[in-house]
Every structure is written in C-alpha cells, then in structure tokens.
Amino acid sequence: MKKIILSIVAVAALVALPMGVKAADGKTTSSTNANVTIVDLLTLTKGNELNFGTVANGTGGTVTVVAQEAAQLNPDVTGDIAVISTSSATAASFAVAGTASATYAITIPSSVSISSGKLEVGTLTLKTTNTATGSGTAYASVLDALGKDNIYIGGILTVSSGAPTGLQTVPFDVTVNYN
C-alpha cells in the first residue's frame, strides 16, 4: 500500500511541475509573446490651395470660402470689397491615405495673418469626405475601407483698409496623426 501511495505522490509531483509549481530548486518558468501591429504610413498630399479669388478693396470687408470639394463660384462677401474673379476661388484640399478604417486626428491653425495684420485669414473651417468631428483647431476623421479620405479647408479672409495690392500668400500647416 505504501508503494501505491508513494507512486501517486510522485506522479502528482511530476504532473504539477509543468503547471508553474516551483521545482525543488526554487525556479519556475513562464512564457509570453512579443506583439506589434504594423499600420500603413499615414500620408497627406496637397491638392488645391485655399484661394479667395481676386478682389478689389475699398474700405475693407470679408470674403468667405466654404470648406467643400467643388470650387466655390460665388464666395460670400461683406463690406466694401468687390469680387473681380472667382475662377480660382477654392477650398484647400488634401488627400489622406493610410490603414483602412483607422481613425486619425487633424490639426489646423485657427487663423493666419498676412502683411502685418492688414489681411487675416481667420476662422478656418474643415470638412472631410468621411465626416470629420471636432472644431477650432482639432478634428478627427476615419479612413474608408480603402484607407482613404479627403480634407477640405475654407476660411474667412478679412481685408483691412490699406491692404497691399498684388498676390498675397501665407503658408499654414495641416497635420494628421493616427489616434
């Protein structure tokens, strides 16, 4: 009988060792995995620039270009400004590409100034093909099943009396990051 009990105890000890029970020398071993998820590089490619067309300035006013895909043939104008040509009036556009169905963040400035404050592009607005959420300078959107989206940025140009003539340009950054 003693042999049977000793045999049962020995078998139980051998079975328990692989289950993480400490061996007689006090050592125990367990395993884990090293994991990584690889996503496609998020790219942002500029299409159109934000363009308010050609205007003649009187005593000042505003010109608004809406954040939309199509060229805006009739920008909204207030004050003493005459629109001379709208053939080039467009929202800024960007193509975004990355991992399908991934969410990403979009950051834009709230406003930019041109020519010592005589011209200001303020209240920048944003729209995406895949319905962006957010406001001000921070937005979020999602890439479609092909990993694509489009961003459109409009704004309100405020022209002060005495603004310089000629082409006025100011760069501004648009940043995208995965969420």
N, C-alpha and C. Protein backbone atom coordinates (compact mmCIF):
# COMPACT_ATOMS: atom_id res chain seq x y z
N MET A 1 0.82 -1.19 0.00
CA MET A 1 0.00 0.00 0.00
C MET A 1 0.86 1.24 0.00
N LYS A 2 2.01 1.17 0.81
CA LYS A 2 2.90 2.32 0.84
C LYS A 2 3.44 2.63 -0.54
N LYS A 3 3.72 1.61 -1.33
CA LYS A 3 4.27 1.80 -2.67
C LYS A 3 3.25 2.51 -3.57
N ILE A 4 1.99 2.18 -3.44
CA ILE A 4 0.94 2.80 -4.25
C ILE A 4 0.81 4.27 -3.88
N ILE A 5 0.81 4.59 -2.61
CA ILE A 5 0.68 5.98 -2.15
C ILE A 5 1.90 6.78 -2.62
N LEU A 6 3.11 6.23 -2.47
CA LEU A 6 4.33 6.91 -2.92
C LEU A 6 4.29 7.11 -4.44
N SER A 7 3.80 6.16 -5.18
CA SER A 7 3.70 6.29 -6.63
C SER A 7 2.72 7.39 -7.01
N ILE A 8 1.60 7.47 -6.31
CA ILE A 8 0.60 8.52 -6.59
C ILE A 8 1.19 9.89 -6.28
N VAL A 9 1.90 10.03 -5.19
CA VAL A 9 2.54 11.31 -4.81
C VAL A 9 3.60 11.68 -5.86
N ALA A 10 4.39 10.76 -6.32
CA ALA A 10 5.43 11.02 -7.31
C ALA A 10 4.82 11.45 -8.64
N VAL A 11 3.77 10.79 -9.07
CA VAL A 11 3.09 11.15 -10.32
C VAL A 11 2.48 12.54 -10.20
N ALA A 12 1.85 12.84 -9.08
CA ALA A 12 1.24 14.16 -8.86
C ALA A 12 2.30 15.25 -8.90
N ALA A 13 3.46 15.00 -8.33
CA ALA A 13 4.55 15.98 -8.33
C ALA A 13 5.05 16.22 -9.75
N LEU A 14 5.18 15.19 -10.53
CA LEU A 14 5.64 15.32 -11.91
C LEU A 14 4.61 16.07 -12.76
N VAL A 15 3.34 15.81 -12.56
CA VAL A 15 2.28 16.48 -13.30
C VAL A 15 2.22 17.95 -12.91
N ALA A 16 2.45 18.29 -11.66
CA ALA A 16 2.35 19.67 -11.17
C ALA A 16 3.50 20.55 -11.65
N LEU A 17 4.67 20.01 -11.92
CA LEU A 17 5.83 20.81 -12.33
C LEU A 17 5.56 21.68 -13.56
N PRO A 18 5.04 21.14 -14.65
CA PRO A 18 4.82 22.00 -15.82
C PRO A 18 3.74 23.06 -15.60
N MET A 19 2.95 22.98 -14.54
CA MET A 19 1.87 23.91 -14.29
C MET A 19 2.34 25.15 -13.54
N GLY A 20 3.62 25.39 -13.41
CA GLY A 20 4.10 26.57 -12.75
C GLY A 20 4.37 26.38 -11.28
N VAL A 21 4.23 25.17 -10.76
CA VAL A 21 4.55 24.89 -9.36
C VAL A 21 6.05 24.87 -9.25
N LYS A 22 6.59 25.47 -8.23
CA LYS A 22 8.03 25.55 -8.08
C LYS A 22 8.64 24.16 -7.96
N ALA A 23 9.76 24.01 -8.66
CA ALA A 23 10.52 22.78 -8.56
C ALA A 23 11.32 22.81 -7.27
N ALA A 24 11.96 21.74 -6.97
CA ALA A 24 12.72 21.63 -5.72
C ALA A 24 13.82 22.67 -5.62
N ASP A 25 14.37 23.12 -6.76
CA ASP A 25 15.46 24.11 -6.71
C ASP A 25 14.94 25.54 -6.60
N GLY A 26 13.61 25.78 -6.56
CA GLY A 26 13.03 27.11 -6.36
C GLY A 26 12.81 27.90 -7.64
N LYS A 27 13.17 27.37 -8.78
CA LYS A 27 12.99 28.08 -10.04
C LYS A 27 11.65 27.73 -10.67
N THR A 28 11.11 28.71 -11.41
CA THR A 28 9.89 28.46 -12.18
C THR A 28 9.99 29.26 -13.47
N THR A 29 9.33 28.84 -14.52
CA THR A 29 9.40 29.50 -15.83
C THR A 29 8.00 29.67 -16.39
N SER A 30 7.80 30.81 -17.05
CA SER A 30 6.56 31.09 -17.75
C SER A 30 6.91 31.75 -19.07
N SER A 31 6.00 31.77 -20.00
CA SER A 31 6.26 32.35 -21.33
C SER A 31 5.34 33.52 -21.62
N THR A 32 5.75 34.38 -22.52
CA THR A 32 4.94 35.50 -23.01
C THR A 32 5.26 35.70 -24.48
N ASN A 33 4.54 36.57 -25.13
CA ASN A 33 4.77 36.88 -26.54
C ASN A 33 5.19 38.34 -26.70
N ALA A 34 5.92 38.62 -27.73
CA ALA A 34 6.21 40.00 -28.14
C ALA A 34 5.32 40.28 -29.34
N ASN A 35 4.46 41.32 -29.24
CA ASN A 35 3.50 41.62 -30.30
C ASN A 35 3.72 43.02 -30.85
N VAL A 36 3.35 43.22 -32.08
CA VAL A 36 3.36 44.54 -32.70
C VAL A 36 2.28 44.56 -33.78
N THR A 37 1.60 45.69 -33.92
CA THR A 37 0.66 45.88 -35.02
C THR A 37 1.28 46.89 -35.97
N ILE A 38 1.45 46.53 -37.20
CA ILE A 38 2.05 47.39 -38.21
C ILE A 38 0.92 48.05 -39.00
N VAL A 39 0.97 49.37 -39.15
CA VAL A 39 -0.02 50.10 -39.95
C VAL A 39 0.70 50.76 -41.12
N ASP A 40 -0.07 51.10 -42.13
CA ASP A 40 0.49 51.83 -43.26
C ASP A 40 0.89 53.23 -42.81
N LEU A 41 1.92 53.75 -43.41
CA LEU A 41 2.34 55.12 -43.13
C LEU A 41 1.20 56.06 -43.51
N LEU A 42 0.86 57.00 -42.64
CA LEU A 42 -0.19 57.97 -42.91
C LEU A 42 0.41 59.08 -43.78
N THR A 43 -0.18 59.31 -44.95
CA THR A 43 0.33 60.34 -45.85
C THR A 43 -0.71 61.43 -46.07
N LEU A 44 -0.23 62.63 -46.33
CA LEU A 44 -1.07 63.80 -46.58
C LEU A 44 -0.53 64.47 -47.83
N THR A 45 -1.34 64.52 -48.88
CA THR A 45 -0.92 65.08 -50.16
C THR A 45 -1.77 66.29 -50.50
N LYS A 46 -1.12 67.45 -50.70
CA LYS A 46 -1.85 68.67 -51.00
C LYS A 46 -2.41 68.63 -52.42
N GLY A 47 -3.66 69.06 -52.55
CA GLY A 47 -4.30 69.23 -53.86
C GLY A 47 -4.36 70.73 -54.16
N ASN A 48 -5.50 71.35 -53.84
CA ASN A 48 -5.67 72.79 -54.06
C ASN A 48 -5.20 73.59 -52.85
N GLU A 49 -4.82 74.83 -53.10
CA GLU A 49 -4.54 75.77 -52.02
C GLU A 49 -5.81 76.54 -51.72
N LEU A 50 -5.93 77.06 -50.49
CA LEU A 50 -7.05 77.91 -50.14
C LEU A 50 -6.89 79.22 -50.90
N ASN A 51 -7.85 79.51 -51.78
CA ASN A 51 -7.73 80.68 -52.65
C ASN A 51 -9.05 81.45 -52.61
N PHE A 52 -8.96 82.74 -52.33
CA PHE A 52 -10.14 83.58 -52.20
C PHE A 52 -10.49 84.31 -53.50
N GLY A 53 -9.79 84.01 -54.60
CA GLY A 53 -10.08 84.67 -55.87
C GLY A 53 -9.38 86.02 -55.94
N THR A 54 -9.89 86.88 -56.81
CA THR A 54 -9.34 88.22 -56.99
C THR A 54 -10.38 89.23 -56.52
N VAL A 55 -9.98 90.12 -55.60
CA VAL A 55 -10.91 91.10 -55.05
C VAL A 55 -10.31 92.50 -55.16
N ALA A 56 -11.19 93.49 -55.27
CA ALA A 56 -10.79 94.90 -55.22
C ALA A 56 -11.21 95.43 -53.85
N ASN A 57 -10.27 96.08 -53.15
CA ASN A 57 -10.53 96.54 -51.79
C ASN A 57 -10.94 98.00 -51.79
N GLY A 58 -12.01 98.29 -51.07
CA GLY A 58 -12.40 99.68 -50.82
C GLY A 58 -11.93 100.03 -49.41
N THR A 59 -12.85 100.03 -48.49
CA THR A 59 -12.51 100.35 -47.10
C THR A 59 -12.38 99.09 -46.23
N GLY A 60 -12.48 97.95 -46.84
CA GLY A 60 -12.30 96.69 -46.11
C GLY A 60 -13.57 95.86 -46.05
N GLY A 61 -13.40 94.60 -45.71
CA GLY A 61 -14.52 93.68 -45.61
C GLY A 61 -14.02 92.25 -45.51
N THR A 62 -14.89 91.30 -45.80
CA THR A 62 -14.53 89.89 -45.71
C THR A 62 -14.94 89.13 -46.97
N VAL A 63 -14.20 88.05 -47.23
CA VAL A 63 -14.52 87.11 -48.30
C VAL A 63 -14.48 85.72 -47.66
N THR A 64 -15.54 84.93 -47.85
CA THR A 64 -15.62 83.60 -47.23
C THR A 64 -15.61 82.52 -48.31
N VAL A 65 -14.72 81.55 -48.14
CA VAL A 65 -14.70 80.36 -48.98
C VAL A 65 -15.06 79.19 -48.08
N VAL A 66 -16.07 78.45 -48.45
CA VAL A 66 -16.59 77.33 -47.65
C VAL A 66 -15.71 76.09 -47.87
N ALA A 67 -15.54 75.31 -46.81
CA ALA A 67 -14.80 74.05 -46.89
C ALA A 67 -15.66 73.04 -47.64
N GLN A 68 -15.39 72.87 -48.92
CA GLN A 68 -16.16 71.94 -49.75
C GLN A 68 -15.29 71.45 -50.88
N GLU A 69 -15.73 70.36 -51.51
CA GLU A 69 -14.95 69.74 -52.58
C GLU A 69 -14.89 70.60 -53.84
N ALA A 70 -16.01 71.12 -54.28
CA ALA A 70 -16.07 71.85 -55.55
C ALA A 70 -15.55 73.28 -55.39
N ALA A 71 -15.10 73.85 -56.48
CA ALA A 71 -14.71 75.26 -56.48
C ALA A 71 -15.93 76.10 -56.12
N GLN A 72 -15.71 77.13 -55.35
CA GLN A 72 -16.83 77.98 -54.94
C GLN A 72 -16.94 79.14 -55.93
N LEU A 73 -17.97 79.14 -56.75
CA LEU A 73 -18.10 80.14 -57.80
C LEU A 73 -18.52 81.49 -57.27
N ASN A 74 -19.17 81.51 -56.13
CA ASN A 74 -19.62 82.79 -55.57
C ASN A 74 -19.28 82.86 -54.08
N PRO A 75 -18.03 83.23 -53.75
CA PRO A 75 -17.70 83.35 -52.33
C PRO A 75 -18.57 84.43 -51.69
N ASP A 76 -18.89 84.26 -50.42
CA ASP A 76 -19.66 85.27 -49.69
C ASP A 76 -18.78 86.48 -49.42
N VAL A 77 -19.30 87.67 -49.67
CA VAL A 77 -18.53 88.91 -49.50
C VAL A 77 -19.35 89.86 -48.64
N THR A 78 -18.68 90.52 -47.68
CA THR A 78 -19.32 91.57 -46.89
C THR A 78 -18.42 92.80 -46.90
N GLY A 79 -19.00 93.95 -46.69
CA GLY A 79 -18.21 95.18 -46.62
C GLY A 79 -17.93 95.79 -47.98
N ASP A 80 -16.92 96.63 -48.02
CA ASP A 80 -16.56 97.38 -49.22
C ASP A 80 -15.47 96.65 -50.00
N ILE A 81 -15.84 95.47 -50.53
CA ILE A 81 -14.94 94.65 -51.35
C ILE A 81 -15.74 94.20 -52.57
N ALA A 82 -15.10 94.27 -53.73
CA ALA A 82 -15.74 93.78 -54.96
C ALA A 82 -14.98 92.55 -55.44
N VAL A 83 -15.71 91.50 -55.74
CA VAL A 83 -15.09 90.30 -56.28
C VAL A 83 -14.89 90.51 -57.78
N ILE A 84 -13.65 90.47 -58.21
CA ILE A 84 -13.31 90.67 -59.63
C ILE A 84 -13.36 89.34 -60.38
N SER A 85 -12.82 88.29 -59.76
CA SER A 85 -12.81 86.97 -60.39
C SER A 85 -12.91 85.90 -59.33
N THR A 86 -13.77 84.94 -59.56
CA THR A 86 -13.89 83.80 -58.65
C THR A 86 -13.40 82.51 -59.31
N SER A 87 -12.80 82.62 -60.49
CA SER A 87 -12.38 81.41 -61.20
C SER A 87 -11.36 80.59 -60.41
N SER A 88 -10.62 81.22 -59.53
CA SER A 88 -9.63 80.48 -58.75
C SER A 88 -10.04 80.28 -57.29
N ALA A 89 -11.24 80.66 -56.92
CA ALA A 89 -11.68 80.52 -55.52
C ALA A 89 -11.92 79.05 -55.20
N THR A 90 -11.10 78.51 -54.30
CA THR A 90 -11.23 77.10 -53.90
C THR A 90 -10.88 76.92 -52.43
N ALA A 91 -11.47 75.91 -51.85
CA ALA A 91 -11.04 75.47 -50.52
C ALA A 91 -9.72 74.73 -50.70
N ALA A 92 -8.88 74.75 -49.67
CA ALA A 92 -7.68 73.91 -49.69
C ALA A 92 -8.13 72.46 -49.66
N SER A 93 -7.41 71.61 -50.36
CA SER A 93 -7.77 70.19 -50.35
C SER A 93 -6.53 69.33 -50.17
N PHE A 94 -6.74 68.23 -49.47
CA PHE A 94 -5.67 67.29 -49.18
C PHE A 94 -6.22 65.87 -49.30
N ALA A 95 -5.41 64.96 -49.83
CA ALA A 95 -5.74 63.54 -49.84
C ALA A 95 -4.99 62.87 -48.69
N VAL A 96 -5.71 62.07 -47.91
CA VAL A 96 -5.11 61.34 -46.80
C VAL A 96 -5.15 59.86 -47.15
N ALA A 97 -4.07 59.15 -46.88
CA ALA A 97 -4.03 57.70 -47.13
C ALA A 97 -3.32 57.03 -45.97
N GLY A 98 -3.80 55.84 -45.63
CA GLY A 98 -3.21 55.07 -44.53
C GLY A 98 -3.89 53.73 -44.41
N THR A 99 -4.00 53.23 -43.20
CA THR A 99 -4.59 51.93 -42.93
C THR A 99 -6.12 52.01 -42.97
N ALA A 100 -6.73 51.08 -43.67
CA ALA A 100 -8.19 51.05 -43.83
C ALA A 100 -8.90 51.11 -42.48
N SER A 101 -9.93 51.95 -42.42
CA SER A 101 -10.82 52.09 -41.27
C SER A 101 -10.17 52.66 -40.01
N ALA A 102 -8.95 53.16 -40.12
CA ALA A 102 -8.27 53.73 -38.96
C ALA A 102 -8.76 55.16 -38.71
N THR A 103 -8.82 55.55 -37.44
CA THR A 103 -9.17 56.93 -37.11
C THR A 103 -7.89 57.75 -37.04
N TYR A 104 -8.03 59.04 -37.35
CA TYR A 104 -6.86 59.91 -37.31
C TYR A 104 -7.28 61.31 -36.88
N ALA A 105 -6.31 62.05 -36.37
CA ALA A 105 -6.53 63.42 -35.92
C ALA A 105 -6.01 64.40 -36.96
N ILE A 106 -6.69 65.54 -37.07
CA ILE A 106 -6.31 66.61 -37.99
C ILE A 106 -6.15 67.88 -37.17
N THR A 107 -5.03 68.57 -37.36
CA THR A 107 -4.80 69.82 -36.66
C THR A 107 -4.55 70.92 -37.67
N ILE A 108 -5.29 72.04 -37.52
CA ILE A 108 -5.10 73.22 -38.37
C ILE A 108 -4.99 74.44 -37.47
N PRO A 109 -4.39 75.52 -37.97
CA PRO A 109 -4.37 76.75 -37.15
C PRO A 109 -5.76 77.38 -37.11
N SER A 110 -6.01 78.18 -36.09
CA SER A 110 -7.30 78.86 -36.02
C SER A 110 -7.34 80.06 -36.98
N SER A 111 -6.20 80.68 -37.21
CA SER A 111 -6.12 81.80 -38.16
C SER A 111 -4.67 82.03 -38.53
N VAL A 112 -4.45 82.76 -39.62
CA VAL A 112 -3.11 83.16 -40.06
C VAL A 112 -3.19 84.60 -40.55
N SER A 113 -2.13 85.37 -40.32
CA SER A 113 -2.12 86.78 -40.74
C SER A 113 -1.18 86.97 -41.92
N ILE A 114 -1.56 87.89 -42.79
CA ILE A 114 -0.78 88.24 -43.97
C ILE A 114 -0.47 89.73 -43.91
N SER A 115 0.72 90.11 -44.30
CA SER A 115 1.10 91.52 -44.46
C SER A 115 0.83 92.36 -43.23
N SER A 116 1.51 92.05 -42.15
CA SER A 116 1.45 92.85 -40.92
C SER A 116 0.03 93.09 -40.42
N GLY A 117 -0.84 92.11 -40.54
CA GLY A 117 -2.18 92.24 -39.98
C GLY A 117 -3.18 92.96 -40.88
N LYS A 118 -2.77 93.42 -42.05
CA LYS A 118 -3.72 94.10 -42.95
C LYS A 118 -4.67 93.10 -43.61
N LEU A 119 -4.24 91.88 -43.69
CA LEU A 119 -5.08 90.79 -44.20
C LEU A 119 -5.00 89.66 -43.18
N GLU A 120 -6.13 89.09 -42.84
CA GLU A 120 -6.13 87.95 -41.93
C GLU A 120 -7.07 86.88 -42.45
N VAL A 121 -6.54 85.65 -42.54
CA VAL A 121 -7.38 84.51 -42.85
C VAL A 121 -7.77 83.92 -41.50
N GLY A 122 -8.99 84.21 -41.08
CA GLY A 122 -9.44 83.76 -39.78
C GLY A 122 -10.56 82.77 -39.89
N THR A 123 -10.91 82.17 -38.79
CA THR A 123 -12.00 81.22 -38.69
C THR A 123 -11.86 80.15 -39.78
N LEU A 124 -10.70 79.49 -39.80
CA LEU A 124 -10.53 78.38 -40.74
C LEU A 124 -11.52 77.28 -40.37
N THR A 125 -12.12 76.68 -41.39
CA THR A 125 -13.11 75.61 -41.19
C THR A 125 -12.66 74.37 -41.92
N LEU A 126 -13.13 73.21 -41.50
CA LEU A 126 -12.67 71.96 -42.07
C LEU A 126 -13.83 71.01 -42.31
N LYS A 127 -13.73 70.27 -43.40
CA LYS A 127 -14.70 69.23 -43.74
C LYS A 127 -13.91 68.08 -44.36
N THR A 128 -14.36 66.84 -44.13
CA THR A 128 -13.73 65.69 -44.79
C THR A 128 -14.79 64.89 -45.54
N THR A 129 -14.34 64.07 -46.45
CA THR A 129 -15.25 63.19 -47.19
C THR A 129 -15.95 62.24 -46.24
N ASN A 130 -15.23 61.75 -45.22
CA ASN A 130 -15.76 60.74 -44.30
C ASN A 130 -16.29 61.34 -43.00
N THR A 131 -16.77 62.57 -43.04
CA THR A 131 -17.42 63.24 -41.92
C THR A 131 -16.52 63.43 -40.71
N ALA A 132 -15.81 64.54 -40.70
CA ALA A 132 -14.94 64.89 -39.58
C ALA A 132 -15.77 65.35 -38.39
N THR A 133 -15.23 65.13 -37.20
CA THR A 133 -15.81 65.67 -35.99
C THR A 133 -14.78 66.60 -35.36
N GLY A 134 -15.24 67.57 -34.60
CA GLY A 134 -14.34 68.49 -33.93
C GLY A 134 -14.65 69.92 -34.33
N SER A 135 -13.83 70.84 -33.83
CA SER A 135 -13.99 72.25 -34.17
C SER A 135 -12.72 72.99 -33.80
N GLY A 136 -12.66 74.26 -34.20
CA GLY A 136 -11.50 75.07 -33.87
C GLY A 136 -10.27 74.60 -34.60
N THR A 137 -9.30 74.07 -33.86
CA THR A 137 -8.06 73.61 -34.48
C THR A 137 -7.90 72.10 -34.46
N ALA A 138 -8.80 71.37 -33.77
CA ALA A 138 -8.65 69.91 -33.61
C ALA A 138 -9.87 69.17 -34.16
N TYR A 139 -9.60 68.25 -35.07
CA TYR A 139 -10.65 67.46 -35.71
C TYR A 139 -10.24 66.00 -35.71
N ALA A 140 -11.18 65.11 -35.99
CA ALA A 140 -10.89 63.69 -36.15
C ALA A 140 -11.73 63.16 -37.30
N SER A 141 -11.20 62.18 -37.99
CA SER A 141 -11.94 61.54 -39.08
C SER A 141 -11.51 60.08 -39.12
N VAL A 142 -12.08 59.34 -40.06
CA VAL A 142 -11.76 57.92 -40.21
C VAL A 142 -11.47 57.64 -41.69
N LEU A 143 -10.48 56.81 -41.93
CA LEU A 143 -10.18 56.41 -43.30
C LEU A 143 -11.19 55.37 -43.76
N ASP A 144 -11.54 55.38 -45.03
CA ASP A 144 -12.54 54.44 -45.55
C ASP A 144 -11.94 53.03 -45.68
N ALA A 145 -12.70 52.11 -46.25
CA ALA A 145 -12.28 50.72 -46.38
C ALA A 145 -11.04 50.56 -47.27
N LEU A 146 -10.76 51.58 -48.08
CA LEU A 146 -9.55 51.55 -48.91
C LEU A 146 -8.41 52.33 -48.27
N GLY A 147 -8.64 52.87 -47.07
CA GLY A 147 -7.61 53.64 -46.38
C GLY A 147 -7.46 55.06 -46.90
N LYS A 148 -8.57 55.66 -47.36
CA LYS A 148 -8.50 56.99 -47.95
C LYS A 148 -9.52 57.95 -47.34
N ASP A 149 -9.21 59.24 -47.42
CA ASP A 149 -10.11 60.31 -47.02
C ASP A 149 -9.63 61.58 -47.71
N ASN A 150 -10.48 62.58 -47.75
CA ASN A 150 -10.12 63.89 -48.30
C ASN A 150 -10.46 64.96 -47.27
N ILE A 151 -9.60 65.96 -47.18
CA ILE A 151 -9.81 67.08 -46.27
C ILE A 151 -10.00 68.34 -47.11
N TYR A 152 -10.97 69.17 -46.72
CA TYR A 152 -11.22 70.46 -47.37
C TYR A 152 -11.21 71.54 -46.30
N ILE A 153 -10.48 72.62 -46.55
CA ILE A 153 -10.36 73.71 -45.58
C ILE A 153 -10.76 75.02 -46.23
N GLY A 154 -11.72 75.69 -45.62
CA GLY A 154 -12.15 77.01 -46.06
C GLY A 154 -11.83 78.02 -44.99
N GLY A 155 -12.22 79.26 -45.22
CA GLY A 155 -11.96 80.27 -44.21
C GLY A 155 -12.57 81.60 -44.58
N ILE A 156 -12.40 82.55 -43.68
CA ILE A 156 -12.89 83.91 -43.88
C ILE A 156 -11.68 84.83 -43.98
N LEU A 157 -11.52 85.47 -45.11
CA LEU A 157 -10.45 86.44 -45.32
C LEU A 157 -10.97 87.82 -44.92
N THR A 158 -10.29 88.45 -43.96
CA THR A 158 -10.63 89.81 -43.56
C THR A 158 -9.61 90.74 -44.18
N VAL A 159 -10.10 91.68 -45.00
CA VAL A 159 -9.24 92.64 -45.68
C VAL A 159 -9.45 93.99 -45.02
N SER A 160 -8.37 94.56 -44.47
CA SER A 160 -8.45 95.88 -43.84
C SER A 160 -8.20 96.97 -44.87
N SER A 161 -8.66 98.18 -44.58
CA SER A 161 -8.38 99.33 -45.42
C SER A 161 -6.87 99.49 -45.53
N GLY A 162 -6.38 99.75 -46.72
CA GLY A 162 -4.95 99.94 -46.92
C GLY A 162 -4.18 98.65 -47.10
N ALA A 163 -4.86 97.52 -47.29
CA ALA A 163 -4.15 96.26 -47.52
C ALA A 163 -3.36 96.36 -48.81
N PRO A 164 -2.16 95.78 -48.85
CA PRO A 164 -1.33 95.88 -50.06
C PRO A 164 -1.97 95.18 -51.26
N THR A 165 -1.67 95.67 -52.45
CA THR A 165 -2.17 95.06 -53.68
C THR A 165 -1.20 93.97 -54.13
N GLY A 166 -1.63 93.18 -55.07
CA GLY A 166 -0.81 92.09 -55.58
C GLY A 166 -1.15 90.78 -54.89
N LEU A 167 -0.51 89.70 -55.34
CA LEU A 167 -0.74 88.38 -54.77
C LEU A 167 -0.20 88.36 -53.35
N GLN A 168 -1.03 87.98 -52.41
CA GLN A 168 -0.64 87.86 -51.00
C GLN A 168 -0.73 86.37 -50.63
N THR A 169 0.35 85.87 -50.05
CA THR A 169 0.43 84.44 -49.73
C THR A 169 0.96 84.25 -48.31
N VAL A 170 0.37 83.33 -47.61
CA VAL A 170 0.90 82.93 -46.30
C VAL A 170 0.76 81.41 -46.16
N PRO A 171 1.83 80.74 -45.78
CA PRO A 171 1.73 79.29 -45.58
C PRO A 171 1.08 78.97 -44.23
N PHE A 172 0.41 77.85 -44.17
CA PHE A 172 -0.05 77.32 -42.89
C PHE A 172 0.01 75.80 -42.94
N ASP A 173 0.19 75.20 -41.78
CA ASP A 173 0.38 73.76 -41.69
C ASP A 173 -0.92 73.03 -41.39
N VAL A 174 -1.05 71.88 -42.00
CA VAL A 174 -2.11 70.91 -41.71
C VAL A 174 -1.41 69.63 -41.28
N THR A 175 -1.76 69.13 -40.11
CA THR A 175 -1.08 67.95 -39.57
C THR A 175 -2.09 66.84 -39.34
N VAL A 176 -1.70 65.61 -39.71
CA VAL A 176 -2.53 64.43 -39.45
C VAL A 176 -1.71 63.41 -38.67
N ASN A 177 -2.37 62.73 -37.74
CA ASN A 177 -1.75 61.67 -36.93
C ASN A 177 -2.79 60.60 -36.65
N TYR A 178 -2.33 59.35 -36.58
CA TYR A 178 -3.24 58.29 -36.15
C TYR A 178 -3.67 58.54 -34.72
N ASN A 179 -4.92 58.21 -34.39
CA ASN A 179 -5.40 58.27 -33.00
C ASN A 179 -5.03 57.00 -32.29
